[in-house]
Amino acid sequence: MEQENKKLKRELDRYRLRVFDLEGEIERLKEENMKIIAESEVVVKQNERLNKKLKRHQQQLDSQNEHVESLKNLAAQDRQWLDTEMAFRQQQIQERRIETNSMAKRRATMHI
């Protein structure tokens, strides 16, 4: 009986040591989890700041793209105006040539 009590006492001591080890492991894991949570909160805040920055840059890019499109439209209008102006001037030159040739013919017929 005493032998069995000693055996049970040793077994109980082993279980107590195991419980003590597990409690220590639980505490270590809790601390590790707390660190991970703290690091995660830092990462979340950094992410939020970066998202705000990204949104601001995206708005700037959108605004610049709108400006570029506006400049493209202005350039197209300028090109159209230049084409119209060039056609008008070409027509004027052609008319002057015809007029000059006509006058030259009249002068030639007058001299004959």
PDB file of N, CA and C in Angstrom:
ATOM      1  N   MET A   1       0.819  -1.186   0.000  1.00  0.00           N
ATOM      2  CA  MET A   1       0.000   0.000   0.000  1.00  0.00           C
ATOM      3  C   MET A   1       0.872   1.263   0.000  1.00  0.00           C
ATOM      4  N   GLU A   2       1.864   1.274   0.820  1.00  0.00           N
ATOM      5  CA  GLU A   2       2.773   2.406   0.891  1.00  0.00           C
ATOM      6  C   GLU A   2       3.520   2.554  -0.433  1.00  0.00           C
ATOM      7  N   GLN A   3       3.859   1.434  -1.002  1.00  0.00           N
ATOM      8  CA  GLN A   3       4.541   1.415  -2.290  1.00  0.00           C
ATOM      9  C   GLN A   3       3.639   2.069  -3.351  1.00  0.00           C
ATOM     10  N   GLU A   4       2.378   1.722  -3.310  1.00  0.00           N
ATOM     11  CA  GLU A   4       1.427   2.268  -4.267  1.00  0.00           C
ATOM     12  C   GLU A   4       1.222   3.766  -4.027  1.00  0.00           C
ATOM     13  N   ASN A   5       1.215   4.180  -2.772  1.00  0.00           N
ATOM     14  CA  ASN A   5       1.082   5.607  -2.449  1.00  0.00           C
ATOM     15  C   ASN A   5       2.282   6.389  -2.986  1.00  0.00           C
ATOM     16  N   LYS A   6       3.483   5.835  -2.850  1.00  0.00           N
ATOM     17  CA  LYS A   6       4.680   6.498  -3.370  1.00  0.00           C
ATOM     18  C   LYS A   6       4.603   6.607  -4.893  1.00  0.00           C
ATOM     19  N   LYS A   7       4.136   5.523  -5.511  1.00  0.00           N
ATOM     20  CA  LYS A   7       4.005   5.501  -6.965  1.00  0.00           C
ATOM     21  C   LYS A   7       2.996   6.557  -7.414  1.00  0.00           C
ATOM     22  N   LEU A   8       1.870   6.623  -6.730  1.00  0.00           N
ATOM     23  CA  LEU A   8       0.836   7.608  -7.070  1.00  0.00           C
ATOM     24  C   LEU A   8       1.337   9.031  -6.811  1.00  0.00           C
ATOM     25  N   LYS A   9       2.130   9.185  -5.748  1.00  0.00           N
ATOM     26  CA  LYS A   9       2.664  10.508  -5.417  1.00  0.00           C
ATOM     27  C   LYS A   9       3.648  10.957  -6.500  1.00  0.00           C
ATOM     28  N   ARG A  10       4.500  10.034  -6.980  1.00  0.00           N
ATOM     29  CA  ARG A  10       5.433  10.368  -8.065  1.00  0.00           C
ATOM     30  C   ARG A  10       4.667  10.738  -9.333  1.00  0.00           C
ATOM     31  N   GLU A  11       3.629   9.961  -9.604  1.00  0.00           N
ATOM     32  CA  GLU A  11       2.806  10.240 -10.779  1.00  0.00           C
ATOM     33  C   GLU A  11       2.124  11.596 -10.646  1.00  0.00           C
ATOM     34  N   LEU A  12       1.636  11.897  -9.483  1.00  0.00           N
ATOM     35  CA  LEU A  12       1.012  13.192  -9.214  1.00  0.00           C
ATOM     36  C   LEU A  12       2.038  14.309  -9.379  1.00  0.00           C
ATOM     37  N   ASP A  13       3.261  14.104  -8.885  1.00  0.00           N
ATOM     38  CA  ASP A  13       4.327  15.104  -9.039  1.00  0.00           C
ATOM     39  C   ASP A  13       4.656  15.324 -10.526  1.00  0.00           C
ATOM     40  N   ARG A  14       4.689  14.222 -11.287  1.00  0.00           N
ATOM     41  CA  ARG A  14       4.954  14.352 -12.732  1.00  0.00           C
ATOM     42  C   ARG A  14       3.848  15.181 -13.404  1.00  0.00           C
ATOM     43  N   TYR A  15       2.594  14.902 -13.013  1.00  0.00           N
ATOM     44  CA  TYR A  15       1.469  15.658 -13.580  1.00  0.00           C
ATOM     45  C   TYR A  15       1.532  17.123 -13.175  1.00  0.00           C
ATOM     46  N   ARG A  16       1.921  17.364 -11.935  1.00  0.00           N
ATOM     47  CA  ARG A  16       2.043  18.750 -11.472  1.00  0.00           C
ATOM     48  C   ARG A  16       3.133  19.473 -12.257  1.00  0.00           C
ATOM     49  N   LEU A  17       4.271  18.793 -12.498  1.00  0.00           N
ATOM     50  CA  LEU A  17       5.348  19.382 -13.284  1.00  0.00           C
ATOM     51  C   LEU A  17       4.878  19.650 -14.726  1.00  0.00           C
ATOM     52  N   ARG A  18       4.131  18.687 -15.256  1.00  0.00           N
ATOM     53  CA  ARG A  18       3.605  18.832 -16.610  1.00  0.00           C
ATOM     54  C   ARG A  18       2.633  20.014 -16.681  1.00  0.00           C
ATOM     55  N   VAL A  19       1.775  20.144 -15.693  1.00  0.00           N
ATOM     56  CA  VAL A  19       0.841  21.267 -15.622  1.00  0.00           C
ATOM     57  C   VAL A  19       1.620  22.573 -15.513  1.00  0.00           C
ATOM     58  N   PHE A  20       2.666  22.571 -14.678  1.00  0.00           N
ATOM     59  CA  PHE A  20       3.497  23.761 -14.517  1.00  0.00           C
ATOM     60  C   PHE A  20       4.149  24.123 -15.854  1.00  0.00           C
ATOM     61  N   ASP A  21       4.682  23.122 -16.560  1.00  0.00           N
ATOM     62  CA  ASP A  21       5.284  23.359 -17.875  1.00  0.00           C
ATOM     63  C   ASP A  21       4.251  23.904 -18.871  1.00  0.00           C
ATOM     64  N   LEU A  22       3.068  23.312 -18.858  1.00  0.00           N
ATOM     65  CA  LEU A  22       2.021  23.758 -19.782  1.00  0.00           C
ATOM     66  C   LEU A  22       1.567  25.175 -19.457  1.00  0.00           C
ATOM     67  N   GLU A  23       1.476  25.489 -18.167  1.00  0.00           N
ATOM     68  CA  GLU A  23       1.100  26.857 -17.788  1.00  0.00           C
ATOM     69  C   GLU A  23       2.157  27.852 -18.272  1.00  0.00           C
ATOM     70  N   GLY A  24       3.422  27.474 -18.151  1.00  0.00           N
ATOM     71  CA  GLY A  24       4.514  28.327 -18.648  1.00  0.00           C
ATOM     72  C   GLY A  24       4.420  28.497 -20.166  1.00  0.00           C
ATOM     73  N   GLU A  25       4.131  27.387 -20.847  1.00  0.00           N
ATOM     74  CA  GLU A  25       3.970  27.436 -22.305  1.00  0.00           C
ATOM     75  C   GLU A  25       2.796  28.325 -22.688  1.00  0.00           C
ATOM     76  N   ILE A  26       1.697  28.220 -21.939  1.00  0.00           N
ATOM     77  CA  ILE A  26       0.524  29.067 -22.183  1.00  0.00           C
ATOM     78  C   ILE A  26       0.888  30.541 -22.025  1.00  0.00           C
ATOM     79  N   GLU A  27       1.623  30.874 -20.990  1.00  0.00           N
ATOM     80  CA  GLU A  27       2.037  32.267 -20.764  1.00  0.00           C
ATOM     81  C   GLU A  27       2.936  32.759 -21.899  1.00  0.00           C
ATOM     82  N   ARG A  28       3.868  31.900 -22.311  1.00  0.00           N
ATOM     83  CA  ARG A  28       4.772  32.266 -23.401  1.00  0.00           C
ATOM     84  C   ARG A  28       3.981  32.525 -24.681  1.00  0.00           C
ATOM     85  N   LEU A  29       3.005  31.644 -24.952  1.00  0.00           N
ATOM     86  CA  LEU A  29       2.179  31.812 -26.148  1.00  0.00           C
ATOM     87  C   LEU A  29       1.310  33.065 -26.063  1.00  0.00           C
ATOM     88  N   LYS A  30       0.811  33.371 -24.850  1.00  0.00           N
ATOM     89  CA  LYS A  30       0.029  34.596 -24.680  1.00  0.00           C
ATOM     90  C   LYS A  30       0.875  35.826 -24.999  1.00  0.00           C
ATOM     91  N   GLU A  31       2.114  35.833 -24.466  1.00  0.00           N
ATOM     92  CA  GLU A  31       3.014  36.964 -24.722  1.00  0.00           C
ATOM     93  C   GLU A  31       3.333  37.078 -26.214  1.00  0.00           C
ATOM     94  N   GLU A  32       3.584  35.937 -26.842  1.00  0.00           N
ATOM     95  CA  GLU A  32       3.863  35.926 -28.278  1.00  0.00           C
ATOM     96  C   GLU A  32       2.662  36.450 -29.061  1.00  0.00           C
ATOM     97  N   ASN A  33       1.467  36.027 -28.668  1.00  0.00           N
ATOM     98  CA  ASN A  33       0.242  36.519 -29.321  1.00  0.00           C
ATOM     99  C   ASN A  33       0.085  38.021 -29.138  1.00  0.00           C
ATOM    100  N   MET A  34       0.392  38.504 -27.934  1.00  0.00           N
ATOM    101  CA  MET A  34       0.294  39.954 -27.676  1.00  0.00           C
ATOM    102  C   MET A  34       1.259  40.721 -28.585  1.00  0.00           C
ATOM    103  N   LYS A  35       2.474  40.197 -28.749  1.00  0.00           N
ATOM    104  CA  LYS A  35       3.443  40.848 -29.642  1.00  0.00           C
ATOM    105  C   LYS A  35       2.923  40.847 -31.071  1.00  0.00           C
ATOM    106  N   ILE A  36       2.380  39.709 -31.489  1.00  0.00           N
ATOM    107  CA  ILE A  36       1.853  39.602 -32.854  1.00  0.00           C
ATOM    108  C   ILE A  36       0.700  40.582 -33.053  1.00  0.00           C
ATOM    109  N   ILE A  37      -0.163  40.684 -32.052  1.00  0.00           N
ATOM    110  CA  ILE A  37      -1.292  41.626 -32.136  1.00  0.00           C
ATOM    111  C   ILE A  37      -0.781  43.056 -32.228  1.00  0.00           C
ATOM    112  N   ALA A  38       0.216  43.392 -31.402  1.00  0.00           N
ATOM    113  CA  ALA A  38       0.780  44.749 -31.429  1.00  0.00           C
ATOM    114  C   ALA A  38       1.414  45.027 -32.787  1.00  0.00           C
ATOM    115  N   GLU A  39       2.170  44.068 -33.313  1.00  0.00           N
ATOM    116  CA  GLU A  39       2.796  44.243 -34.626  1.00  0.00           C
ATOM    117  C   GLU A  39       1.723  44.373 -35.711  1.00  0.00           C
ATOM    118  N   SER A  40       0.669  43.595 -35.570  1.00  0.00           N
ATOM    119  CA  SER A  40      -0.425  43.663 -36.552  1.00  0.00           C
ATOM    120  C   SER A  40      -1.085  45.031 -36.535  1.00  0.00           C
ATOM    121  N   GLU A  41      -1.268  45.591 -35.349  1.00  0.00           N
ATOM    122  CA  GLU A  41      -1.875  46.916 -35.250  1.00  0.00           C
ATOM    123  C   GLU A  41      -0.998  47.969 -35.923  1.00  0.00           C
ATOM    124  N   VAL A  42       0.321  47.823 -35.740  1.00  0.00           N
ATOM    125  CA  VAL A  42       1.253  48.748 -36.388  1.00  0.00           C
ATOM    126  C   VAL A  42       1.140  48.605 -37.907  1.00  0.00           C
ATOM    127  N   VAL A  43       1.099  47.364 -38.376  1.00  0.00           N
ATOM    128  CA  VAL A  43       0.996  47.117 -39.821  1.00  0.00           C
ATOM    129  C   VAL A  43      -0.322  47.664 -40.366  1.00  0.00           C
ATOM    130  N   VAL A  44      -1.395  47.496 -39.624  1.00  0.00           N
ATOM    131  CA  VAL A  44      -2.704  48.001 -40.061  1.00  0.00           C
ATOM    132  C   VAL A  44      -2.651  49.533 -40.180  1.00  0.00           C
ATOM    133  N   LYS A  45      -2.040  50.202 -39.194  1.00  0.00           N
ATOM    134  CA  LYS A  45      -1.937  51.663 -39.253  1.00  0.00           C
ATOM    135  C   LYS A  45      -1.080  52.109 -40.425  1.00  0.00           C
ATOM    136  N   GLN A  46       0.044  51.395 -40.647  1.00  0.00           N
ATOM    137  CA  GLN A  46       0.890  51.722 -41.802  1.00  0.00           C
ATOM    138  C   GLN A  46       0.105  51.522 -43.090  1.00  0.00           C
ATOM    139  N   ASN A  47      -0.640  50.452 -43.147  1.00  0.00           N
ATOM    140  CA  ASN A  47      -1.450  50.148 -44.331  1.00  0.00           C
ATOM    141  C   ASN A  47      -2.480  51.244 -44.575  1.00  0.00           C
ATOM    142  N   GLU A  48      -3.110  51.705 -43.517  1.00  0.00           N
ATOM    143  CA  GLU A  48      -4.102  52.781 -43.645  1.00  0.00           C
ATOM    144  C   GLU A  48      -3.444  54.054 -44.173  1.00  0.00           C
ATOM    145  N   ARG A  49      -2.250  54.379 -43.630  1.00  0.00           N
ATOM    146  CA  ARG A  49      -1.532  55.570 -44.108  1.00  0.00           C
ATOM    147  C   ARG A  49      -1.158  55.424 -45.584  1.00  0.00           C
ATOM    148  N   LEU A  50      -0.675  54.237 -45.930  1.00  0.00           N
ATOM    149  CA  LEU A  50      -0.294  54.003 -47.325  1.00  0.00           C
ATOM    150  C   LEU A  50      -1.508  54.055 -48.249  1.00  0.00           C
ATOM    151  N   ASN A  51      -2.629  53.544 -47.783  1.00  0.00           N
ATOM    152  CA  ASN A  51      -3.854  53.601 -48.591  1.00  0.00           C
ATOM    153  C   ASN A  51      -4.298  55.040 -48.817  1.00  0.00           C
ATOM    154  N   LYS A  52      -4.187  55.874 -47.766  1.00  0.00           N
ATOM    155  CA  LYS A  52      -4.530  57.292 -47.911  1.00  0.00           C
ATOM    156  C   LYS A  52      -3.599  57.955 -48.922  1.00  0.00           C
ATOM    157  N   LYS A  53      -2.306  57.643 -48.791  1.00  0.00           N
ATOM    158  CA  LYS A  53      -1.317  58.200 -49.706  1.00  0.00           C
ATOM    159  C   LYS A  53      -1.601  57.744 -51.137  1.00  0.00           C
ATOM    160  N   LEU A  54      -1.898  56.473 -51.287  1.00  0.00           N
ATOM    161  CA  LEU A  54      -2.203  55.912 -52.597  1.00  0.00           C
ATOM    162  C   LEU A  54      -3.439  56.591 -53.194  1.00  0.00           C
ATOM    163  N   LYS A  55      -4.455  56.793 -52.366  1.00  0.00           N
ATOM    164  CA  LYS A  55      -5.682  57.441 -52.834  1.00  0.00           C
ATOM    165  C   LYS A  55      -5.381  58.870 -53.297  1.00  0.00           C
ATOM    166  N   ARG A  56      -4.551  59.566 -52.521  1.00  0.00           N
ATOM    167  CA  ARG A  56      -4.178  60.943 -52.869  1.00  0.00           C
ATOM    168  C   ARG A  56      -3.418  60.961 -54.205  1.00  0.00           C
ATOM    169  N   HIS A  57      -2.474  60.032 -54.357  1.00  0.00           N
ATOM    170  CA  HIS A  57      -1.711  59.958 -55.602  1.00  0.00           C
ATOM    171  C   HIS A  57      -2.618  59.582 -56.779  1.00  0.00           C
ATOM    172  N   GLN A  58      -3.557  58.690 -56.521  1.00  0.00           N
ATOM    173  CA  GLN A  58      -4.485  58.295 -57.585  1.00  0.00           C
ATOM    174  C   GLN A  58      -5.330  59.483 -58.025  1.00  0.00           C
ATOM    175  N   GLN A  59      -5.764  60.298 -57.049  1.00  0.00           N
ATOM    176  CA  GLN A  59      -6.532  61.494 -57.387  1.00  0.00           C
ATOM    177  C   GLN A  59      -5.686  62.464 -58.208  1.00  0.00           C
ATOM    178  N   GLN A  60      -4.401  62.600 -57.825  1.00  0.00           N
ATOM    179  CA  GLN A  60      -3.504  63.470 -58.585  1.00  0.00           C
ATOM    180  C   GLN A  60      -3.336  62.949 -60.010  1.00  0.00           C
ATOM    181  N   LEU A  61      -3.161  61.632 -60.125  1.00  0.00           N
ATOM    182  CA  LEU A  61      -3.016  61.043 -61.459  1.00  0.00           C
ATOM    183  C   LEU A  61      -4.280  61.244 -62.286  1.00  0.00           C
ATOM    184  N   ASP A  62      -5.433  61.051 -61.660  1.00  0.00           N
ATOM    185  CA  ASP A  62      -6.697  61.263 -62.372  1.00  0.00           C
ATOM    186  C   ASP A  62      -6.796  62.707 -62.860  1.00  0.00           C
ATOM    187  N   SER A  63      -6.417  63.630 -61.987  1.00  0.00           N
ATOM    188  CA  SER A  63      -6.467  65.050 -62.341  1.00  0.00           C
ATOM    189  C   SER A  63      -5.491  65.336 -63.491  1.00  0.00           C
ATOM    190  N   GLN A  64      -4.293  64.762 -63.403  1.00  0.00           N
ATOM    191  CA  GLN A  64      -3.310  64.965 -64.474  1.00  0.00           C
ATOM    192  C   GLN A  64      -3.792  64.340 -65.777  1.00  0.00           C
ATOM    193  N   ASN A  65      -4.416  63.180 -65.681  1.00  0.00           N
ATOM    194  CA  ASN A  65      -4.947  62.534 -66.885  1.00  0.00           C
ATOM    195  C   ASN A  65      -6.038  63.390 -67.527  1.00  0.00           C
ATOM    196  N   GLU A  66      -6.886  63.981 -66.688  1.00  0.00           N
ATOM    197  CA  GLU A  66      -7.914  64.884 -67.212  1.00  0.00           C
ATOM    198  C   GLU A  66      -7.266  66.066 -67.927  1.00  0.00           C
ATOM    199  N   HIS A  67      -6.197  66.596 -67.317  1.00  0.00           N
ATOM    200  CA  HIS A  67      -5.483  67.732 -67.912  1.00  0.00           C
ATOM    201  C   HIS A  67      -4.869  67.318 -69.251  1.00  0.00           C
ATOM    202  N   VAL A  68      -4.282  66.121 -69.288  1.00  0.00           N
ATOM    203  CA  VAL A  68      -3.681  65.625 -70.527  1.00  0.00           C
ATOM    204  C   VAL A  68      -4.755  65.478 -71.612  1.00  0.00           C
ATOM    205  N   GLU A  69      -5.893  64.934 -71.240  1.00  0.00           N
ATOM    206  CA  GLU A  69      -6.989  64.788 -72.212  1.00  0.00           C
ATOM    207  C   GLU A  69      -7.441  66.156 -72.710  1.00  0.00           C
ATOM    208  N   SER A  70      -7.501  67.122 -71.806  1.00  0.00           N
ATOM    209  CA  SER A  70      -7.886  68.482 -72.196  1.00  0.00           C
ATOM    210  C   SER A  70      -6.857  69.055 -73.174  1.00  0.00           C
ATOM    211  N   LEU A  71      -5.573  68.826 -72.882  1.00  0.00           N
ATOM    212  CA  LEU A  71      -4.524  69.312 -73.785  1.00  0.00           C
ATOM    213  C   LEU A  71      -4.594  68.615 -75.142  1.00  0.00           C
ATOM    214  N   LYS A  72      -4.912  67.311 -75.121  1.00  0.00           N
ATOM    215  CA  LYS A  72      -5.059  66.588 -76.387  1.00  0.00           C
ATOM    216  C   LYS A  72      -6.203  67.180 -77.208  1.00  0.00           C
ATOM    217  N   ASN A  73      -7.307  67.485 -76.538  1.00  0.00           N
ATOM    218  CA  ASN A  73      -8.450  68.080 -77.232  1.00  0.00           C
ATOM    219  C   ASN A  73      -8.086  69.446 -77.806  1.00  0.00           C
ATOM    220  N   LEU A  74      -7.358  70.238 -77.016  1.00  0.00           N
ATOM    221  CA  LEU A  74      -6.925  71.550 -77.508  1.00  0.00           C
ATOM    222  C   LEU A  74      -5.984  71.397 -78.703  1.00  0.00           C
ATOM    223  N   ALA A  75      -5.088  70.422 -78.607  1.00  0.00           N
ATOM    224  CA  ALA A  75      -4.153  70.186 -79.712  1.00  0.00           C
ATOM    225  C   ALA A  75      -4.915  69.767 -80.975  1.00  0.00           C
ATOM    226  N   ALA A  76      -5.925  68.934 -80.797  1.00  0.00           N
ATOM    227  CA  ALA A  76      -6.737  68.511 -81.953  1.00  0.00           C
ATOM    228  C   ALA A  76      -7.469  69.705 -82.552  1.00  0.00           C
ATOM    229  N   GLN A  77      -7.994  70.574 -81.690  1.00  0.00           N
ATOM    230  CA  GLN A  77      -8.680  71.776 -82.186  1.00  0.00           C
ATOM    231  C   GLN A  77      -7.701  72.685 -82.923  1.00  0.00           C
ATOM    232  N   ASP A  78      -6.501  72.841 -82.329  1.00  0.00           N
ATOM    233  CA  ASP A  78      -5.479  73.668 -82.988  1.00  0.00           C
ATOM    234  C   ASP A  78      -5.104  73.082 -84.344  1.00  0.00           C
ATOM    235  N   ARG A  79      -4.964  71.764 -84.389  1.00  0.00           N
ATOM    236  CA  ARG A  79      -4.608  71.098 -85.640  1.00  0.00           C
ATOM    237  C   ARG A  79      -5.710  71.317 -86.684  1.00  0.00           C
ATOM    238  N   GLN A  80      -6.947  71.199 -86.240  1.00  0.00           N
ATOM    239  CA  GLN A  80      -8.078  71.409 -87.149  1.00  0.00           C
ATOM    240  C   GLN A  80      -8.084  72.851 -87.656  1.00  0.00           C
ATOM    241  N   TRP A  81      -7.832  73.803 -86.748  1.00  0.00           N
ATOM    242  CA  TRP A  81      -7.789  75.206 -87.143  1.00  0.00           C
ATOM    243  C   TRP A  81      -6.667  75.438 -88.145  1.00  0.00           C
ATOM    244  N   LEU A  82      -5.488  74.840 -87.859  1.00  0.00           N
ATOM    245  CA  LEU A  82      -4.357  75.000 -88.767  1.00  0.00           C
ATOM    246  C   LEU A  82      -4.658  74.405 -90.138  1.00  0.00           C
ATOM    247  N   ASP A  83      -5.283  73.238 -90.154  1.00  0.00           N
ATOM    248  CA  ASP A  83      -5.653  72.618 -91.432  1.00  0.00           C
ATOM    249  C   ASP A  83      -6.605  73.516 -92.211  1.00  0.00           C
ATOM    250  N   THR A  84      -7.593  74.074 -91.506  1.00  0.00           N
ATOM    251  CA  THR A  84      -8.554  74.975 -92.145  1.00  0.00           C
ATOM    252  C   THR A  84      -7.843  76.227 -92.659  1.00  0.00           C
ATOM    253  N   GLU A  85      -6.969  76.780 -91.833  1.00  0.00           N
ATOM    254  CA  GLU A  85      -6.219  77.983 -92.218  1.00  0.00           C
ATOM    255  C   GLU A  85      -5.314  77.705 -93.421  1.00  0.00           C
ATOM    256  N   MET A  86      -4.651  76.559 -93.391  1.00  0.00           N
ATOM    257  CA  MET A  86      -3.775  76.199 -94.517  1.00  0.00           C
ATOM    258  C   MET A  86      -4.598  76.028 -95.803  1.00  0.00           C
ATOM    259  N   ALA A  87      -5.740  75.382 -95.699  1.00  0.00           N
ATOM    260  CA  ALA A  87      -6.600  75.206 -96.881  1.00  0.00           C
ATOM    261  C   ALA A  87      -7.056  76.560 -97.405  1.00  0.00           C
ATOM    262  N   PHE A  88      -7.444  77.468 -96.508  1.00  0.00           N
ATOM    263  CA  PHE A  88      -7.881  78.813 -96.902  1.00  0.00           C
ATOM    264  C   PHE A  88      -6.753  79.550 -97.617  1.00  0.00           C
ATOM    265  N   ARG A  89      -5.545  79.481 -97.054  1.00  0.00           N
ATOM    266  CA  ARG A  89      -4.405  80.185 -97.649  1.00  0.00           C
ATOM    267  C   ARG A  89      -4.016  79.564 -98.991  1.00  0.00           C
ATOM    268  N   GLN A  90      -4.099  78.242 -99.058  1.00  0.00           N
ATOM    269  CA  GLN A  90      -3.823  77.578-100.338  1.00  0.00           C
ATOM    270  C   GLN A  90      -4.819  78.045-101.401  1.00  0.00           C
ATOM    271  N   GLN A  91      -6.067  78.173-100.974  1.00  0.00           N
ATOM    272  CA  GLN A  91      -7.116  78.643-101.899  1.00  0.00           C
ATOM    273  C   GLN A  91      -6.805  80.068-102.332  1.00  0.00           C
ATOM    274  N   GLN A  92      -6.398  80.933-101.386  1.00  0.00           N
ATOM    275  CA  GLN A  92      -6.058  82.314-101.725  1.00  0.00           C
ATOM    276  C   GLN A  92      -4.885  82.361-102.704  1.00  0.00           C
ATOM    277  N   ILE A  93      -3.881  81.532-102.447  1.00  0.00           N
ATOM    278  CA  ILE A  93      -2.713  81.497-103.336  1.00  0.00           C
ATOM    279  C   ILE A  93      -3.139  81.067-104.736  1.00  0.00           C
ATOM    280  N   GLN A  94      -3.972  80.020-104.781  1.00  0.00           N
ATOM    281  CA  GLN A  94      -4.469  79.525-106.075  1.00  0.00           C
ATOM    282  C   GLN A  94      -5.247  80.612-106.810  1.00  0.00           C
ATOM    283  N   GLU A  95      -6.107  81.331-106.061  1.00  0.00           N
ATOM    284  CA  GLU A  95      -6.890  82.406-106.670  1.00  0.00           C
ATOM    285  C   GLU A  95      -5.983  83.519-107.188  1.00  0.00           C
ATOM    286  N   ARG A  96      -4.949  83.861-106.444  1.00  0.00           N
ATOM    287  CA  ARG A  96      -4.004  84.904-106.877  1.00  0.00           C
ATOM    288  C   ARG A  96      -3.250  84.459-108.129  1.00  0.00           C
ATOM    289  N   ARG A  97      -2.878  83.180-108.173  1.00  0.00           N
ATOM    290  CA  ARG A  97      -2.185  82.664-109.361  1.00  0.00           C
ATOM    291  C   ARG A  97      -3.102  82.774-110.587  1.00  0.00           C
ATOM    292  N   ILE A  98      -4.348  82.353-110.384  1.00  0.00           N
ATOM    293  CA  ILE A  98      -5.310  82.429-111.498  1.00  0.00           C
ATOM    294  C   ILE A  98      -5.467  83.877-111.934  1.00  0.00           C
ATOM    295  N   GLU A  99      -5.600  84.775-110.942  1.00  0.00           N
ATOM    296  CA  GLU A  99      -5.759  86.193-111.241  1.00  0.00           C
ATOM    297  C   GLU A  99      -4.523  86.747-111.944  1.00  0.00           C
ATOM    298  N   THR A 100      -3.347  86.356-111.448  1.00  0.00           N
ATOM    299  CA  THR A 100      -2.090  86.809-112.043  1.00  0.00           C
ATOM    300  C   THR A 100      -1.964  86.292-113.467  1.00  0.00           C
ATOM    301  N   ASN A 101      -2.268  85.023-113.652  1.00  0.00           N
ATOM    302  CA  ASN A 101      -2.211  84.449-115.003  1.00  0.00           C
ATOM    303  C   ASN A 101      -3.208  85.136-115.937  1.00  0.00           C
ATOM    304  N   SER A 102      -4.389  85.405-115.429  1.00  0.00           N
ATOM    305  CA  SER A 102      -5.426  86.072-116.206  1.00  0.00           C
ATOM    306  C   SER A 102      -4.967  87.465-116.611  1.00  0.00           C
ATOM    307  N   MET A 103      -4.371  88.199-115.666  1.00  0.00           N
ATOM    308  CA  MET A 103      -3.878  89.544-115.953  1.00  0.00           C
ATOM    309  C   MET A 103      -2.739  89.489-116.964  1.00  0.00           C
ATOM    310  N   ALA A 104      -1.887  88.497-116.792  1.00  0.00           N
ATOM    311  CA  ALA A 104      -0.758  88.356-117.719  1.00  0.00           C
ATOM    312  C   ALA A 104      -1.268  88.077-119.129  1.00  0.00           C
ATOM    313  N   LYS A 105      -2.306  87.259-119.249  1.00  0.00           N
ATOM    314  CA  LYS A 105      -2.883  86.956-120.567  1.00  0.00           C
ATOM    315  C   LYS A 105      -3.494  88.219-121.176  1.00  0.00           C
ATOM    316  N   ARG A 106      -4.184  88.996-120.345  1.00  0.00           N
ATOM    317  CA  ARG A 106      -4.806  90.229-120.844  1.00  0.00           C
ATOM    318  C   ARG A 106      -3.728  91.196-121.347  1.00  0.00           C
ATOM    319  N   ARG A 107      -2.662  91.329-120.606  1.00  0.00           N
ATOM    320  CA  ARG A 107      -1.583  92.222-120.998  1.00  0.00           C
ATOM    321  C   ARG A 107      -0.948  91.744-122.315  1.00  0.00           C
ATOM    322  N   ALA A 108      -0.815  90.398-122.370  1.00  0.00           N
ATOM    323  CA  ALA A 108      -0.213  89.838-123.585  1.00  0.00           C
ATOM    324  C   ALA A 108      -1.103  90.097-124.789  1.00  0.00           C
ATOM    325  N   THR A 109      -2.421  89.968-124.602  1.00  0.00           N
ATOM    326  CA  THR A 109      -3.328  90.211-125.714  1.00  0.00           C
ATOM    327  C   THR A 109      -3.393  91.692-126.046  1.00  0.00           C
ATOM    328  N   MET A 110      -3.164  92.550-125.099  1.00  0.00           N
ATOM    329  CA  MET A 110      -3.166  94.001-125.346  1.00  0.00           C
ATOM    330  C   MET A 110      -1.945  94.399-126.151  1.00  0.00           C
ATOM    331  N   HIS A 111      -0.832  93.748-125.919  1.00  0.00           N
ATOM    332  CA  HIS A 111       0.407  94.095-126.592  1.00  0.00           C
ATOM    333  C   HIS A 111       0.402  93.567-128.017  1.00  0.00           C
ATOM    334  N   ILE A 112      -0.435  92.656-128.274  1.00  0.00           N
ATOM    335  CA  ILE A 112      -0.431  92.076-129.625  1.00  0.00           C
ATOM    336  C   ILE A 112      -1.109  92.966-130.594  1.00  0.00           C
TER     337      ILE A 112
END
